[in-house]
N, C-alpha and C. Protein backbone atom coordinates (compact mmCIF):
# COMPACT_ATOMS: atom_id res chain seq x y z
N MET A 1 84.61 0.97 3.25
CA MET A 1 84.97 2.19 4.29
C MET A 1 84.15 3.57 3.49
N ARG A 2 84.53 3.58 1.82
CA ARG A 2 83.36 4.71 1.44
C ARG A 2 82.16 4.23 1.73
N LEU A 3 81.25 3.44 1.75
CA LEU A 3 79.90 3.06 1.49
C LEU A 3 79.36 3.51 3.04
N ARG A 4 80.25 2.55 4.08
CA ARG A 4 80.04 3.34 5.15
C ARG A 4 79.87 4.72 5.53
N ALA A 5 80.59 5.67 5.07
CA ALA A 5 80.55 7.14 4.95
C ALA A 5 78.99 7.76 4.38
N VAL A 6 78.66 7.21 3.17
CA VAL A 6 77.45 7.65 2.81
C VAL A 6 76.63 7.11 3.08
N LYS A 7 76.28 5.62 4.14
CA LYS A 7 75.13 5.08 5.19
C LYS A 7 74.91 5.74 6.42
N SER A 8 76.02 6.30 7.18
CA SER A 8 76.10 7.21 8.49
C SER A 8 75.57 8.91 7.69
N SER A 9 76.29 9.56 6.79
CA SER A 9 75.84 10.51 6.49
C SER A 9 73.88 11.01 5.73
N GLY A 10 73.76 9.54 5.25
CA GLY A 10 72.55 9.47 4.90
C GLY A 10 71.22 9.17 6.25
N VAL A 11 71.83 8.95 6.98
CA VAL A 11 71.33 9.04 8.71
C VAL A 11 71.12 9.99 9.08
N VAL A 12 72.21 10.97 9.19
CA VAL A 12 71.89 12.05 9.69
C VAL A 12 70.95 13.09 8.81
N LEU A 13 71.21 12.83 7.32
CA LEU A 13 70.72 13.92 6.68
C LEU A 13 68.84 13.49 6.63
N ALA A 14 68.73 12.39 6.87
CA ALA A 14 67.37 11.75 7.01
C ALA A 14 66.73 11.79 8.62
N GLY A 15 67.78 12.17 9.60
CA GLY A 15 67.36 12.43 10.71
C GLY A 15 67.23 14.23 10.97
N MET A 16 67.71 14.61 10.23
CA MET A 16 67.32 16.17 9.93
C MET A 16 66.30 16.57 9.26
N LEU A 17 66.09 15.66 8.04
CA LEU A 17 64.54 15.87 7.21
C LEU A 17 63.16 15.74 8.55
N LEU A 18 63.85 14.39 9.39
CA LEU A 18 62.79 14.05 10.52
C LEU A 18 62.23 15.53 11.36
N VAL A 19 63.22 16.27 11.87
CA VAL A 19 63.56 17.48 12.50
C VAL A 19 63.01 18.53 11.66
N ALA A 20 62.98 18.72 10.55
CA ALA A 20 62.72 19.60 10.21
C ALA A 20 60.81 19.44 9.70
N ALA A 21 60.83 18.37 9.60
CA ALA A 21 59.00 17.48 9.61
C ALA A 21 58.29 18.35 10.51
N VAL A 22 58.53 17.69 11.91
CA VAL A 22 58.19 17.40 12.79
C VAL A 22 58.06 19.02 13.45
N GLY A 23 58.84 19.67 13.14
CA GLY A 23 58.76 21.17 13.37
C GLY A 23 59.57 21.66 15.36
N CYS A 24 59.98 22.73 15.54
CA CYS A 24 60.64 23.02 16.63
C CYS A 24 59.33 23.41 17.85
N GLY A 25 58.38 23.61 17.90
CA GLY A 25 57.08 23.63 18.87
C GLY A 25 57.31 24.77 19.29
N TYR A 26 57.85 25.68 18.89
CA TYR A 26 57.61 27.14 18.96
C TYR A 26 56.04 27.98 18.68
N HIS A 27 55.60 28.12 19.70
CA HIS A 27 54.40 28.92 18.92
C HIS A 27 54.33 30.13 19.74
N GLN A 28 53.71 31.40 19.19
CA GLN A 28 53.22 32.74 19.70
C GLN A 28 52.74 32.97 21.01
N VAL A 29 53.16 33.55 21.94
CA VAL A 29 52.99 33.95 22.97
C VAL A 29 51.70 33.82 23.58
N GLY A 30 50.90 33.62 24.52
CA GLY A 30 49.19 34.18 24.58
C GLY A 30 48.69 33.51 23.20
N ALA A 31 48.83 32.65 21.95
CA ALA A 31 47.77 32.58 20.97
C ALA A 31 48.14 31.22 20.82
N ALA A 32 48.41 29.96 21.94
CA ALA A 32 48.45 28.75 22.17
C ALA A 32 47.29 28.38 21.38
N ALA A 33 46.76 27.10 20.88
CA ALA A 33 45.41 26.63 21.00
C ALA A 33 44.77 26.35 22.07
N HIS A 34 45.09 25.83 22.88
CA HIS A 34 44.80 25.34 23.92
C HIS A 34 44.86 26.24 25.32
N LEU A 35 45.06 27.22 25.11
CA LEU A 35 44.61 28.19 26.32
C LEU A 35 43.22 28.54 26.79
N ARG A 36 42.20 28.49 27.73
CA ARG A 36 41.22 28.37 27.80
C ARG A 36 40.67 29.46 27.15
N THR A 37 39.15 30.01 26.55
CA THR A 37 38.80 30.96 25.84
C THR A 37 38.19 31.40 27.35
N GLY A 38 37.69 33.07 26.94
CA GLY A 38 36.71 33.60 27.98
C GLY A 38 37.52 34.43 29.13
N LEU A 39 38.89 33.83 28.95
CA LEU A 39 39.91 34.36 30.48
C LEU A 39 40.06 35.68 29.65
N ARG A 40 39.74 36.84 30.17
CA ARG A 40 40.51 38.37 30.09
C ARG A 40 41.38 38.46 31.07
N THR A 41 40.73 39.10 32.56
CA THR A 41 40.90 39.16 33.54
C THR A 41 41.58 38.10 34.68
N LEU A 42 42.76 38.02 35.30
CA LEU A 42 43.30 37.75 36.28
C LEU A 42 43.53 38.60 37.69
N ASP A 43 42.66 37.66 38.51
CA ASP A 43 43.60 38.20 40.01
C ASP A 43 45.12 38.42 40.24
N VAL A 44 45.93 38.56 41.10
CA VAL A 44 46.93 38.41 40.99
C VAL A 44 47.05 38.84 42.32
N PRO A 45 47.01 38.78 43.53
CA PRO A 45 47.17 38.90 45.09
C PRO A 45 48.40 39.05 45.42
N ILE A 46 48.71 39.23 46.32
CA ILE A 46 50.02 39.49 46.93
C ILE A 46 50.00 38.22 47.46
N PHE A 47 52.07 37.29 46.95
CA PHE A 47 51.69 35.79 47.37
C PHE A 47 51.50 35.94 49.28
N ALA A 48 51.44 34.95 49.64
CA ALA A 48 51.44 34.75 50.51
C ALA A 48 52.67 34.44 51.33
N SER A 49 52.75 34.22 52.45
CA SER A 49 54.74 33.66 52.91
C SER A 49 54.19 32.85 53.92
N LYS A 50 54.81 32.28 53.64
CA LYS A 50 55.32 31.17 55.05
C LYS A 50 56.67 31.15 55.87
N VAL A 51 57.29 32.23 55.43
CA VAL A 51 58.68 32.20 55.79
C VAL A 51 59.07 33.57 56.47
N GLN A 52 60.06 34.03 57.46
CA GLN A 52 60.22 34.96 57.71
C GLN A 52 60.99 35.81 56.77
N ALA A 53 61.31 35.97 55.91
CA ALA A 53 62.23 36.63 54.75
C ALA A 53 61.28 37.80 54.54
N PHE A 54 61.84 38.87 54.26
CA PHE A 54 61.71 40.25 53.82
C PHE A 54 61.24 40.73 52.82
N ARG A 55 60.04 41.06 52.82
CA ARG A 55 59.44 41.29 51.22
C ARG A 55 59.43 40.42 50.23
N THR A 56 59.72 38.35 50.32
CA THR A 56 60.18 37.80 49.30
C THR A 56 59.17 37.79 47.76
N GLU A 57 57.98 37.48 49.24
CA GLU A 57 55.95 37.19 48.92
C GLU A 57 56.06 38.81 47.63
N THR A 58 56.20 39.93 48.47
CA THR A 58 55.95 40.74 47.12
C THR A 58 57.03 40.86 45.93
N ILE A 59 57.94 41.15 45.65
CA ILE A 59 58.72 40.61 45.00
C ILE A 59 58.48 40.03 43.82
N PHE A 60 58.28 38.54 44.44
CA PHE A 60 57.71 37.25 43.47
C PHE A 60 56.43 37.87 43.04
N THR A 61 55.86 38.50 43.55
CA THR A 61 54.48 39.14 43.00
C THR A 61 54.56 39.87 41.92
N GLN A 62 55.40 41.17 42.44
CA GLN A 62 55.93 42.15 41.26
C GLN A 62 56.23 41.31 40.39
N ALA A 63 57.04 40.43 40.18
CA ALA A 63 57.64 39.71 38.87
C ALA A 63 56.88 39.06 38.09
N VAL A 64 55.75 38.05 38.67
CA VAL A 64 54.47 36.85 38.00
C VAL A 64 53.81 38.15 37.35
N VAL A 65 53.68 39.41 38.02
CA VAL A 65 52.59 40.54 37.65
C VAL A 65 53.42 41.10 35.98
N ARG A 66 54.28 41.43 36.62
CA ARG A 66 55.54 42.09 35.31
C ARG A 66 55.28 41.10 33.97
N GLU A 67 55.62 39.57 34.39
CA GLU A 67 55.63 38.86 33.34
C GLU A 67 54.45 38.62 32.91
N LEU A 68 53.47 38.56 33.50
CA LEU A 68 51.68 38.21 32.69
C LEU A 68 51.71 39.49 31.83
N ASN A 69 51.91 40.70 32.50
CA ASN A 69 51.61 41.80 31.29
C ASN A 69 52.79 41.82 30.06
N THR A 70 53.77 41.55 30.42
CA THR A 70 54.86 41.41 28.88
C THR A 70 54.41 40.37 28.00
N ARG A 71 53.97 39.23 28.47
CA ARG A 71 53.89 37.66 27.65
C ARG A 71 52.29 37.87 27.40
N THR A 72 51.52 38.31 28.10
CA THR A 72 49.82 37.70 27.66
C THR A 72 49.26 38.93 27.60
N ARG A 73 47.72 38.23 27.09
CA ARG A 73 46.93 39.69 26.72
C ARG A 73 45.91 39.83 27.76
N TYR A 74 46.08 39.23 29.22
CA TYR A 74 45.15 38.88 30.47
C TYR A 74 45.30 40.60 30.69
N ARG A 75 44.33 41.01 31.47
CA ARG A 75 44.47 42.43 32.44
C ARG A 75 44.71 41.59 33.44
N ILE A 76 46.00 42.20 33.68
CA ILE A 76 46.00 41.98 35.28
C ILE A 76 45.09 42.67 36.43
N VAL A 77 45.30 42.68 37.50
CA VAL A 77 44.20 43.13 38.98
C VAL A 77 44.91 42.85 39.95
N THR A 78 45.67 43.30 40.81
CA THR A 78 46.44 43.18 41.91
C THR A 78 45.29 43.06 42.50
N LEU A 79 44.62 44.21 43.46
CA LEU A 79 43.24 43.93 44.32
C LEU A 79 42.46 42.96 44.99
N ASP A 80 43.11 42.37 44.72
CA ASP A 80 42.14 40.62 45.31
C ASP A 80 41.23 41.05 44.91
N ASP A 81 40.58 41.29 44.01
CA ASP A 81 39.12 41.53 43.32
C ASP A 81 38.79 40.55 43.04
N THR A 82 38.27 39.54 43.60
CA THR A 82 37.78 38.13 42.75
C THR A 82 36.69 38.16 41.91
N ALA A 83 36.14 39.01 42.81
CA ALA A 83 34.49 39.42 41.72
C ALA A 83 34.54 39.82 40.64
N SER A 84 35.24 40.68 40.12
CA SER A 84 35.17 40.97 38.75
C SER A 84 36.31 40.34 37.93
N SER A 85 37.23 39.46 38.16
CA SER A 85 38.38 38.95 37.47
C SER A 85 37.81 37.42 36.94
N ASP A 86 38.49 36.58 36.09
CA ASP A 86 37.82 35.77 35.64
C ASP A 86 38.46 34.44 36.13
N ALA A 87 39.85 34.56 36.92
CA ALA A 87 40.63 33.67 37.44
C ALA A 87 41.22 34.57 38.56
N VAL A 88 41.64 34.27 39.33
CA VAL A 88 42.91 34.51 40.44
C VAL A 88 43.88 33.16 40.67
N LEU A 89 45.46 33.81 40.50
CA LEU A 89 46.91 33.39 40.17
C LEU A 89 47.22 33.76 41.68
N ARG A 90 47.35 32.36 42.85
CA ARG A 90 47.05 32.58 43.88
C ARG A 90 48.73 31.89 44.32
N GLY A 91 49.70 32.68 44.99
CA GLY A 91 51.06 32.14 45.11
C GLY A 91 51.61 32.06 46.63
N THR A 92 52.02 31.02 47.24
CA THR A 92 52.56 30.78 48.23
C THR A 92 54.20 30.72 48.68
N ILE A 93 54.60 31.65 49.23
CA ILE A 93 56.02 30.84 49.30
C ILE A 93 56.24 30.03 50.86
N LEU A 94 56.62 28.91 50.24
CA LEU A 94 56.80 27.97 51.68
C LEU A 94 57.88 27.88 52.19
N SER A 95 59.08 28.10 51.58
CA SER A 95 60.21 28.05 52.43
C SER A 95 61.22 29.14 51.27
N GLU A 96 62.20 29.60 52.19
CA GLU A 96 63.45 30.56 51.14
C GLU A 96 64.73 29.81 52.02
N THR A 97 65.55 29.34 52.13
CA THR A 97 67.17 29.48 52.48
C THR A 97 67.88 29.93 51.83
N VAL A 98 69.09 30.00 52.68
CA VAL A 98 70.35 30.85 52.33
C VAL A 98 71.50 30.07 52.91
N ALA A 99 72.23 29.46 51.79
CA ALA A 99 73.11 28.45 52.22
C ALA A 99 74.60 28.99 51.78
N PRO A 100 75.86 28.49 52.66
CA PRO A 100 76.90 28.92 51.88
C PRO A 100 77.31 27.67 51.01
N LEU A 101 77.91 28.14 50.11
CA LEU A 101 78.42 27.73 48.73
C LEU A 101 79.71 27.21 48.68
N THR A 102 80.22 28.54 48.53
CA THR A 102 81.73 28.24 48.38
C THR A 102 82.62 29.59 49.55
N TYR A 103 83.45 28.47 49.83
CA TYR A 103 84.65 29.61 50.82
C TYR A 103 85.57 29.91 50.42
N ASP A 104 86.37 31.27 50.52
CA ASP A 104 87.54 31.89 50.50
C ASP A 104 88.61 30.99 51.58
N SER A 105 89.62 30.32 50.18
CA SER A 105 90.71 29.36 51.12
C SER A 105 91.73 30.40 52.20
N SER A 106 91.70 31.26 51.29
CA SER A 106 93.07 32.23 52.47
C SER A 106 92.45 33.10 53.69
N SER A 107 90.96 33.04 53.26
CA SER A 107 90.00 33.58 54.63
C SER A 107 89.36 32.52 55.59
N GLY A 108 89.04 31.83 55.10
CA GLY A 108 88.02 30.74 55.78
C GLY A 108 86.96 31.42 55.62
N GLN A 109 86.70 32.42 55.27
CA GLN A 109 84.84 32.61 54.90
C GLN A 109 84.51 32.38 54.31
N THR A 110 83.07 32.27 54.17
CA THR A 110 81.88 31.93 52.70
C THR A 110 82.18 33.18 51.81
N SER A 111 82.91 32.69 50.42
CA SER A 111 82.46 33.68 49.50
C SER A 111 81.33 33.56 48.10
N SER A 112 80.65 32.35 48.86
CA SER A 112 79.18 32.29 47.62
C SER A 112 78.03 32.28 48.98
N TYR A 113 76.90 32.19 48.37
CA TYR A 113 76.17 31.52 48.72
C TYR A 113 75.04 31.38 48.02
N LEU A 114 74.29 30.34 47.83
CA LEU A 114 72.90 29.50 47.64
C LEU A 114 71.42 29.85 48.05
N VAL A 115 70.64 31.07 47.16
CA VAL A 115 69.55 30.89 48.20
C VAL A 115 68.02 29.91 47.62
N SER A 116 67.59 29.87 48.05
CA SER A 116 66.48 29.04 47.47
C SER A 116 65.49 29.09 47.73
N VAL A 117 64.05 28.98 47.16
CA VAL A 117 62.87 29.34 47.63
C VAL A 117 61.88 28.30 46.55
N THR A 118 61.03 27.71 48.02
CA THR A 118 59.74 27.39 47.39
C THR A 118 58.46 27.82 47.04
N ALA A 119 57.35 27.50 46.31
CA ALA A 119 56.42 28.20 46.27
C ALA A 119 55.47 27.77 45.66
N LYS A 120 54.12 27.38 46.36
CA LYS A 120 52.70 26.79 45.41
C LYS A 120 52.46 27.94 45.05
N VAL A 121 51.92 27.53 43.28
CA VAL A 121 50.98 28.20 42.54
C VAL A 121 50.25 28.01 42.03
N GLU A 122 48.64 28.55 42.36
CA GLU A 122 47.43 28.01 41.68
C GLU A 122 46.91 29.10 41.10
N LEU A 123 45.93 28.44 40.07
CA LEU A 123 45.64 29.40 39.20
C LEU A 123 43.99 28.28 39.40
N VAL A 124 43.43 29.34 39.54
CA VAL A 124 41.74 28.65 40.14
C VAL A 124 40.72 29.98 38.93
N ALA A 125 39.78 29.47 38.41
CA ALA A 125 38.84 30.31 37.98
C ALA A 125 37.46 30.81 38.26
N HIS A 126 36.77 31.65 38.14
CA HIS A 126 36.13 32.08 38.79
C HIS A 126 34.66 31.40 39.62
N ASP A 127 34.16 29.94 38.14
CA ASP A 127 33.95 28.74 39.13
C ASP A 127 34.63 27.83 39.83
N GLY A 128 36.02 27.87 40.50
CA GLY A 128 36.39 27.33 41.50
C GLY A 128 37.08 26.16 40.60
N THR A 129 37.15 25.98 39.19
CA THR A 129 38.36 25.15 38.23
C THR A 129 39.12 25.60 38.84
N VAL A 130 40.23 24.28 39.10
CA VAL A 130 41.44 24.42 39.11
C VAL A 130 42.16 24.95 37.85
N LEU A 131 42.75 25.81 37.14
CA LEU A 131 43.24 25.35 35.59
C LEU A 131 44.60 25.51 35.85
N TYR A 132 45.61 25.23 37.07
CA TYR A 132 46.98 25.13 36.98
C TYR A 132 47.10 25.33 38.30
N ARG A 133 48.06 23.99 38.36
CA ARG A 133 48.55 24.42 39.71
C ARG A 133 49.77 23.67 39.58
N ASN A 134 50.72 23.92 40.46
CA ASN A 134 52.13 23.25 41.07
C ASN A 134 52.35 23.73 42.35
N ASP A 135 52.07 22.23 43.31
CA ASP A 135 52.92 22.47 45.00
C ASP A 135 54.18 22.72 45.11
N ALA A 136 55.12 22.61 44.69
CA ALA A 136 56.17 22.68 44.90
C ALA A 136 56.97 23.45 43.66
N PHE A 137 57.23 24.42 43.10
CA PHE A 137 57.98 25.05 42.34
C PHE A 137 59.06 26.21 43.02
N ALA A 138 60.29 24.98 42.50
CA ALA A 138 61.23 25.49 43.71
C ALA A 138 62.48 26.32 42.73
N TRP A 139 62.65 27.31 43.36
CA TRP A 139 64.04 28.43 42.33
C TRP A 139 65.20 28.43 43.52
N ARG A 140 66.41 28.56 42.33
CA ARG A 140 67.46 28.85 43.19
C ARG A 140 68.61 29.82 42.09
N GLU A 141 69.07 30.66 43.48
CA GLU A 141 70.19 31.63 42.64
C GLU A 141 70.82 31.88 43.75
N GLN A 142 72.78 31.92 42.84
CA GLN A 142 73.75 32.09 43.97
C GLN A 142 74.11 33.66 43.71
N TYR A 143 74.85 33.51 44.91
CA TYR A 143 74.99 36.03 44.86
C TYR A 143 76.57 35.31 45.83
N GLN A 144 77.38 36.39 45.56
CA GLN A 144 78.52 35.86 46.10
C GLN A 144 78.26 37.41 47.12
N SER A 145 79.24 36.76 48.71
CA SER A 145 79.38 38.22 49.38
C SER A 145 80.41 39.04 49.58
N THR A 146 80.00 39.36 50.49
CA THR A 146 81.05 40.90 50.64
C THR A 146 81.57 40.44 52.38
N GLN A 147 82.52 41.14 52.19
CA GLN A 147 83.57 41.84 53.78
C GLN A 147 82.20 42.50 54.29
N ASP A 148 81.59 43.42 53.96
CA ASP A 148 80.96 44.79 54.23
C ASP A 148 79.46 44.13 54.59
N LEU A 149 78.66 43.99 55.98
CA LEU A 149 77.69 43.44 56.57
C LEU A 149 75.93 44.07 55.44
N SER A 150 76.57 45.44 55.35
CA SER A 150 75.43 46.42 54.84
C SER A 150 75.37 46.00 52.88
N GLY A 151 76.66 45.36 52.55
CA GLY A 151 76.45 44.79 51.59
C GLY A 151 75.93 43.66 51.17
N PHE A 152 75.93 42.81 52.37
CA PHE A 152 75.64 41.42 52.27
C PHE A 152 74.14 41.36 52.34
N VAL A 153 73.27 42.42 52.95
CA VAL A 153 72.40 42.32 52.48
C VAL A 153 71.63 42.83 51.37
N GLN A 154 72.66 44.27 50.90
CA GLN A 154 72.18 44.34 49.45
C GLN A 154 72.31 43.39 48.41
N GLU A 155 72.94 42.62 48.66
CA GLU A 155 73.49 41.74 47.61
C GLU A 155 72.52 40.23 48.03
N ASP A 156 71.96 39.89 49.04
CA ASP A 156 70.24 39.32 48.86
C ASP A 156 69.89 39.28 49.04
N SER A 157 69.22 41.00 48.30
CA SER A 157 68.23 41.61 48.16
C SER A 157 68.11 40.95 46.86
N ALA A 158 69.22 41.62 46.02
CA ALA A 158 69.72 41.83 44.43
C ALA A 158 69.80 39.98 43.80
N ALA A 159 69.75 39.05 45.07
CA ALA A 159 69.69 37.90 44.39
C ALA A 159 68.01 37.23 44.02
N VAL A 160 67.22 37.89 45.29
CA VAL A 160 65.70 37.34 45.29
C VAL A 160 65.14 38.02 44.02
N ARG A 161 65.77 39.70 43.79
CA ARG A 161 65.46 39.72 42.53
C ARG A 161 65.63 39.09 41.45
N ARG A 162 66.63 38.69 40.94
CA ARG A 162 66.80 37.69 39.89
C ARG A 162 66.07 36.22 39.69
N MET A 163 66.38 36.02 41.41
CA MET A 163 65.55 34.67 41.18
C MET A 163 64.02 35.53 40.84
N ALA A 164 63.25 36.08 41.24
CA ALA A 164 61.87 36.07 41.05
C ALA A 164 61.81 36.80 39.59
N ARG A 165 62.51 37.32 39.09
CA ARG A 165 62.63 37.53 37.46
C ARG A 165 62.51 35.68 36.72
N ASP A 166 63.78 35.26 37.35
CA ASP A 166 63.56 33.79 36.48
C ASP A 166 62.27 32.78 36.84
N PHE A 167 62.52 32.73 38.31
CA PHE A 167 61.12 32.39 38.76
C PHE A 167 59.55 32.73 37.95
N ALA A 168 59.45 33.83 37.71
CA ALA A 168 58.44 34.32 37.23
C ALA A 168 58.72 34.03 36.08
N LYS A 169 59.13 34.46 34.69
CA LYS A 169 59.22 33.52 33.79
C LYS A 169 58.88 32.06 33.62
N ALA A 170 59.40 31.06 34.15
CA ALA A 170 59.49 29.73 34.52
C ALA A 170 57.73 29.88 35.22
N VAL A 171 57.33 30.37 35.70
CA VAL A 171 56.14 29.92 36.38
C VAL A 171 55.03 30.21 35.21
N VAL A 172 54.81 31.38 34.33
CA VAL A 172 54.10 31.94 33.48
C VAL A 172 54.48 30.86 32.05
N SER A 173 55.73 30.93 31.84
CA SER A 173 55.90 29.45 30.41
C SER A 173 54.70 28.29 31.27
N ASP A 174 55.16 27.95 32.54
CA ASP A 174 54.60 26.63 32.91
C ASP A 174 53.18 26.65 32.73
N MET A 175 52.73 27.48 33.55
CA MET A 175 51.20 28.01 33.37
C MET A 175 50.57 27.76 32.19
N LEU A 176 51.22 28.63 31.10
CA LEU A 176 50.48 28.69 29.96
C LEU A 176 50.20 27.97 29.14
N GLU A 177 51.54 26.47 29.23
CA GLU A 177 51.30 25.58 28.93
C GLU A 177 49.85 24.52 29.16
N GLY A 178 50.27 24.88 30.71
CA GLY A 178 49.48 24.00 31.29
C GLY A 178 47.86 24.33 31.31
N LEU A 179 47.73 25.70 31.07
CA LEU A 179 46.32 25.63 30.62
C LEU A 179 45.74 25.15 29.40
N GLN A 180 44.09 24.56 29.80
CA GLN A 180 43.72 23.67 29.03
C GLN A 180 42.06 23.74 28.95
């Protein structure tokens, strides 16, 4: 019995040493060796939209620009000035749905909703080379409903803003990891 415990703790110790030797994989943002050299300026025009939602494309664009400004050293241009930028990051909101998620058992009314957005994101160099592309980047956010109709509209917008922040973090991370 004692020998078995020593063997299993030895396996655990060996596993921990292996993990420590390999490393955790974290690196300083914007300093990864696989980032393409020569990119200094990114043009990020307002995302296009194929949906009837109010301002989703603007909110998502602003969140991505904020995230790029925070996490990278790129100078961000938002005037669709492709001539003076090294690359263009274009996005298109492909779909946005709001679906009931849970119901209040006492009133039978919807108590929370799920907002889902799918977007296409593409980073293209000035010479036409596609540096990053994701044709179906999907994101979801849940929000609680309210009995007040004006409060419902405010909650929907807040959910989209929260979703845009998380979406932007994920897109920029994915893009930085994918740039070569």
